[in-house]
Amino acid sequence: MNDKIKILFLCTGNSCRSQMAEAWTNRLKGDQFVAYSAGVAPKQIDPRAVQAMAEVGIDISKQRSKDISSLPDAEFEYVVTLCDDARESCPYLPAKARISHRGFKDPPRLAEGVTDEEEAMSHYRRIRDEIKSFVEKLPESLSQDFTKAA
């Protein structure tokens, strides 16, 4: 019997933040959680996100962006939106799911217009580390003011 908590990290593109959150959760909290990630408008995984995670020994290069509708019929206990767009357009989810929002800034937007690659990567590293800190505190870091899925 699998008693692990199923958690879904949802953001717009499923290309950066939610991929990092999925990987961190499965690495650091795999004894308690089974993490998934998806997007409401998925796009290709961000190469800088892959690089930032590789720097800490986590390979997400084989992970793929997924549309929320393509996920298996998993009964998620928690859905964590990682950006305002995902929170506002959160699709129908199982009634059992508790939805929490944890906004993290978008590394690609932060790096927009930056010509120095090292400076651009510093944004990805900072968000990577912020997500890690959030994950390390699971389940306590999940908000107590959940919204029930409709």
C-alpha atoms as a PDB file:
ATOM      1  CA  MET A   1       0.000   0.000   0.000  1.00  0.00           C
ATOM      2  CA  ASN A   2       1.342   3.407  -0.955  1.00  0.00           C
ATOM      3  CA  ASP A   3       0.721   5.946   1.775  1.00  0.00           C
ATOM      4  CA  LYS A   4       2.700   8.726   0.145  1.00  0.00           C
ATOM      5  CA  ILE A   5       0.991  12.072  -0.293  1.00  0.00           C
ATOM      6  CA  LYS A   6       0.381  13.007  -3.939  1.00  0.00           C
ATOM      7  CA  ILE A   7       1.243  16.637  -4.620  1.00  0.00           C
ATOM      8  CA  LEU A   8       0.944  18.547  -7.877  1.00  0.00           C
ATOM      9  CA  PHE A   9       2.969  21.673  -8.615  1.00  0.00           C
ATOM     10  CA  LEU A  10       1.182  23.794 -11.175  1.00  0.00           C
ATOM     11  CA  CYS A  11       2.418  26.818 -13.104  1.00  0.00           C
ATOM     12  CA  THR A  12       1.741  28.314 -16.488  1.00  0.00           C
ATOM     13  CA  GLY A  13       4.394  26.723 -18.704  1.00  0.00           C
ATOM     14  CA  ASN A  14       5.581  23.747 -16.621  1.00  0.00           C
ATOM     15  CA  SER A  15       8.998  24.703 -17.948  1.00  0.00           C
ATOM     16  CA  CYS A  16      10.892  25.972 -14.902  1.00  0.00           C
ATOM     17  CA  ARG A  17       9.493  26.507 -11.380  1.00  0.00           C
ATOM     18  CA  SER A  18       7.107  23.566 -11.267  1.00  0.00           C
ATOM     19  CA  GLN A  19       9.772  21.272 -12.753  1.00  0.00           C
ATOM     20  CA  MET A  20      12.196  22.362 -10.025  1.00  0.00           C
ATOM     21  CA  ALA A  21       9.566  21.848  -7.317  1.00  0.00           C
ATOM     22  CA  GLU A  22       8.729  18.360  -8.594  1.00  0.00           C
ATOM     23  CA  ALA A  23      12.392  17.354  -8.668  1.00  0.00           C
ATOM     24  CA  TRP A  24      13.209  18.838  -5.245  1.00  0.00           C
ATOM     25  CA  THR A  25      10.196  17.167  -3.647  1.00  0.00           C
ATOM     26  CA  ASN A  26      10.936  13.748  -5.089  1.00  0.00           C
ATOM     27  CA  ARG A  27      14.604  14.098  -4.059  1.00  0.00           C
ATOM     28  CA  LEU A  28      14.202  15.581  -0.573  1.00  0.00           C
ATOM     29  CA  LYS A  29      10.783  14.325   0.493  1.00  0.00           C
ATOM     30  CA  GLY A  30      10.359  11.158  -1.544  1.00  0.00           C
ATOM     31  CA  ASP A  31       9.697   9.187   1.615  1.00  0.00           C
ATOM     32  CA  GLN A  32       6.522  11.234   2.256  1.00  0.00           C
ATOM     33  CA  PHE A  33       5.448  12.617  -1.117  1.00  0.00           C
ATOM     34  CA  VAL A  34       5.047  11.641  -4.746  1.00  0.00           C
ATOM     35  CA  ALA A  35       5.395  14.875  -6.705  1.00  0.00           C
ATOM     36  CA  TYR A  36       4.056  15.729 -10.128  1.00  0.00           C
ATOM     37  CA  SER A  37       4.141  18.937 -12.131  1.00  0.00           C
ATOM     38  CA  ALA A  38       2.028  20.333 -14.926  1.00  0.00           C
ATOM     39  CA  GLY A  39       1.126  23.563 -16.654  1.00  0.00           C
ATOM     40  CA  VAL A  40      -1.999  25.267 -17.859  1.00  0.00           C
ATOM     41  CA  ALA A  41      -0.184  26.227 -21.104  1.00  0.00           C
ATOM     42  CA  PRO A  42       2.917  23.994 -21.202  1.00  0.00           C
ATOM     43  CA  LYS A  43       5.993  24.815 -23.220  1.00  0.00           C
ATOM     44  CA  GLN A  44       9.458  23.311 -23.621  1.00  0.00           C
ATOM     45  CA  ILE A  45      11.519  22.856 -20.468  1.00  0.00           C
ATOM     46  CA  ASP A  46      13.847  25.797 -19.877  1.00  0.00           C
ATOM     47  CA  PRO A  47      17.519  24.876 -20.529  1.00  0.00           C
ATOM     48  CA  ARG A  48      18.646  27.244 -17.777  1.00  0.00           C
ATOM     49  CA  ALA A  49      16.367  25.455 -15.301  1.00  0.00           C
ATOM     50  CA  VAL A  50      17.999  22.181 -16.352  1.00  0.00           C
ATOM     51  CA  GLN A  51      21.433  23.754 -15.826  1.00  0.00           C
ATOM     52  CA  ALA A  52      20.544  25.271 -12.439  1.00  0.00           C
ATOM     53  CA  MET A  53      19.288  21.930 -11.128  1.00  0.00           C
ATOM     54  CA  ALA A  54      22.287  20.058 -12.585  1.00  0.00           C
ATOM     55  CA  GLU A  55      24.540  22.349 -10.547  1.00  0.00           C
ATOM     56  CA  VAL A  56      23.051  20.821  -7.379  1.00  0.00           C
ATOM     57  CA  GLY A  57      23.187  17.261  -8.679  1.00  0.00           C
ATOM     58  CA  ILE A  58      19.595  16.887  -9.889  1.00  0.00           C
ATOM     59  CA  ASP A  59      19.024  15.913 -13.516  1.00  0.00           C
ATOM     60  CA  ILE A  60      15.721  17.221 -14.877  1.00  0.00           C
ATOM     61  CA  SER A  61      16.802  16.982 -18.523  1.00  0.00           C
ATOM     62  CA  LYS A  62      14.538  13.967 -19.088  1.00  0.00           C
ATOM     63  CA  GLN A  63      11.496  15.580 -17.480  1.00  0.00           C
ATOM     64  CA  ARG A  64       8.907  16.877 -19.922  1.00  0.00           C
ATOM     65  CA  SER A  65       6.385  19.684 -19.743  1.00  0.00           C
ATOM     66  CA  LYS A  66       2.885  18.337 -19.285  1.00  0.00           C
ATOM     67  CA  ASP A  67      -0.567  19.799 -19.676  1.00  0.00           C
ATOM     68  CA  ILE A  68      -2.715  19.340 -16.597  1.00  0.00           C
ATOM     69  CA  SER A  69      -5.260  17.440 -18.691  1.00  0.00           C
ATOM     70  CA  SER A  70      -2.641  14.833 -19.652  1.00  0.00           C
ATOM     71  CA  LEU A  71      -1.933  13.704 -16.100  1.00  0.00           C
ATOM     72  CA  PRO A  72      -3.000  10.264 -14.988  1.00  0.00           C
ATOM     73  CA  ASP A  73      -6.132  10.105 -12.878  1.00  0.00           C
ATOM     74  CA  ALA A  74      -4.190  10.714  -9.709  1.00  0.00           C
ATOM     75  CA  GLU A  75      -6.104  11.823  -6.660  1.00  0.00           C
ATOM     76  CA  PHE A  76      -3.921  14.716  -5.609  1.00  0.00           C
ATOM     77  CA  GLU A  77      -4.123  15.614  -1.969  1.00  0.00           C
ATOM     78  CA  TYR A  78      -2.391  18.940  -2.561  1.00  0.00           C
ATOM     79  CA  VAL A  79      -2.143  21.234  -5.553  1.00  0.00           C
ATOM     80  CA  VAL A  80       0.361  24.056  -5.181  1.00  0.00           C
ATOM     81  CA  THR A  81       0.179  26.876  -7.712  1.00  0.00           C
ATOM     82  CA  LEU A  82       3.544  28.549  -8.161  1.00  0.00           C
ATOM     83  CA  CYS A  83       2.505  31.594 -10.166  1.00  0.00           C
ATOM     84  CA  ASP A  84      -0.454  33.938 -10.293  1.00  0.00           C
ATOM     85  CA  ASP A  85      -1.445  32.867 -13.821  1.00  0.00           C
ATOM     86  CA  ALA A  86      -1.815  29.251 -12.730  1.00  0.00           C
ATOM     87  CA  ARG A  87      -3.711  30.264  -9.614  1.00  0.00           C
ATOM     88  CA  GLU A  88      -6.179  32.327 -11.631  1.00  0.00           C
ATOM     89  CA  SER A  89      -6.725  29.709 -14.334  1.00  0.00           C
ATOM     90  CA  CYS A  90      -6.535  26.629 -12.138  1.00  0.00           C
ATOM     91  CA  PRO A  91      -8.685  24.050 -13.915  1.00  0.00           C
ATOM     92  CA  TYR A  92     -11.075  21.584 -12.382  1.00  0.00           C
ATOM     93  CA  LEU A  93      -9.286  19.326  -9.944  1.00  0.00           C
ATOM     94  CA  PRO A  94     -10.523  16.433  -7.831  1.00  0.00           C
ATOM     95  CA  ALA A  95     -12.783  17.612  -5.014  1.00  0.00           C
ATOM     96  CA  LYS A  96     -10.399  16.082  -2.524  1.00  0.00           C
ATOM     97  CA  ALA A  97      -7.493  18.348  -3.546  1.00  0.00           C
ATOM     98  CA  ARG A  98      -6.443  21.143  -1.239  1.00  0.00           C
ATOM     99  CA  ILE A  99      -5.128  24.076  -3.237  1.00  0.00           C
ATOM    100  CA  SER A 100      -2.414  26.338  -1.915  1.00  0.00           C
ATOM    101  CA  HIS A 101      -0.563  29.187  -3.598  1.00  0.00           C
ATOM    102  CA  ARG A 102       3.156  29.851  -3.241  1.00  0.00           C
ATOM    103  CA  GLY A 103       4.238  32.519  -5.663  1.00  0.00           C
ATOM    104  CA  PHE A 104       7.821  32.376  -6.873  1.00  0.00           C
ATOM    105  CA  LYS A 105       9.163  34.932  -9.331  1.00  0.00           C
ATOM    106  CA  ASP A 106       9.628  33.710 -12.886  1.00  0.00           C
ATOM    107  CA  PRO A 107      13.348  33.220 -13.682  1.00  0.00           C
ATOM    108  CA  PRO A 108      12.931  33.745 -17.448  1.00  0.00           C
ATOM    109  CA  ARG A 109      11.215  37.077 -16.805  1.00  0.00           C
ATOM    110  CA  LEU A 110      13.871  38.085 -14.292  1.00  0.00           C
ATOM    111  CA  ALA A 111      16.579  37.232 -16.829  1.00  0.00           C
ATOM    112  CA  GLU A 112      14.849  39.053 -19.695  1.00  0.00           C
ATOM    113  CA  GLY A 113      17.156  41.578 -21.302  1.00  0.00           C
ATOM    114  CA  VAL A 114      20.164  40.413 -19.291  1.00  0.00           C
ATOM    115  CA  THR A 115      23.124  40.027 -21.624  1.00  0.00           C
ATOM    116  CA  ASP A 116      25.514  38.385 -19.162  1.00  0.00           C
ATOM    117  CA  GLU A 117      24.794  34.645 -18.915  1.00  0.00           C
ATOM    118  CA  GLU A 118      26.172  34.400 -15.375  1.00  0.00           C
ATOM    119  CA  GLU A 119      23.847  37.180 -14.236  1.00  0.00           C
ATOM    120  CA  ALA A 120      20.901  35.470 -15.953  1.00  0.00           C
ATOM    121  CA  MET A 121      21.759  32.180 -14.235  1.00  0.00           C
ATOM    122  CA  SER A 122      21.892  33.928 -10.864  1.00  0.00           C
ATOM    123  CA  HIS A 123      18.117  34.477 -11.116  1.00  0.00           C
ATOM    124  CA  TYR A 124      17.533  30.782 -11.792  1.00  0.00           C
ATOM    125  CA  ARG A 125      19.783  29.782  -8.897  1.00  0.00           C
ATOM    126  CA  ARG A 126      18.006  32.117  -6.487  1.00  0.00           C
ATOM    127  CA  ILE A 127      14.549  30.781  -7.380  1.00  0.00           C
ATOM    128  CA  ARG A 128      15.878  27.197  -7.327  1.00  0.00           C
ATOM    129  CA  ASP A 129      17.129  27.776  -3.785  1.00  0.00           C
ATOM    130  CA  GLU A 130      13.883  29.457  -2.693  1.00  0.00           C
ATOM    131  CA  ILE A 131      11.900  26.479  -3.980  1.00  0.00           C
ATOM    132  CA  LYS A 132      14.274  24.107  -2.187  1.00  0.00           C
ATOM    133  CA  SER A 133      13.697  25.976   1.099  1.00  0.00           C
ATOM    134  CA  PHE A 134       9.931  25.696   0.607  1.00  0.00           C
ATOM    135  CA  VAL A 135      10.169  21.964  -0.145  1.00  0.00           C
ATOM    136  CA  GLU A 136      12.449  21.277   2.826  1.00  0.00           C
ATOM    137  CA  LYS A 137       9.678  22.517   5.115  1.00  0.00           C
ATOM    138  CA  LEU A 138       6.960  20.308   3.617  1.00  0.00           C
ATOM    139  CA  PRO A 139       4.343  19.557   4.800  1.00  0.00           C
ATOM    140  CA  GLU A 140       4.515  22.444   7.301  1.00  0.00           C
ATOM    141  CA  SER A 141       5.180  25.004   4.556  1.00  0.00           C
ATOM    142  CA  LEU A 142       1.813  24.329   2.961  1.00  0.00           C
ATOM    143  CA  SER A 143      -0.688  27.011   3.784  1.00  0.00           C
ATOM    144  CA  GLN A 144      -3.447  26.230   6.228  1.00  0.00           C
ATOM    145  CA  ASP A 145      -5.896  28.402   4.315  1.00  0.00           C
ATOM    146  CA  PHE A 146      -6.572  25.908   1.557  1.00  0.00           C
ATOM    147  CA  THR A 147      -9.153  26.356  -1.120  1.00  0.00           C
ATOM    148  CA  LYS A 148     -11.131  23.231  -1.891  1.00  0.00           C
ATOM    149  CA  ALA A 149     -11.234  22.327  -5.549  1.00  0.00           C
ATOM    150  CA  ALA A 150     -14.597  22.937  -7.194  1.00  0.00           C
END
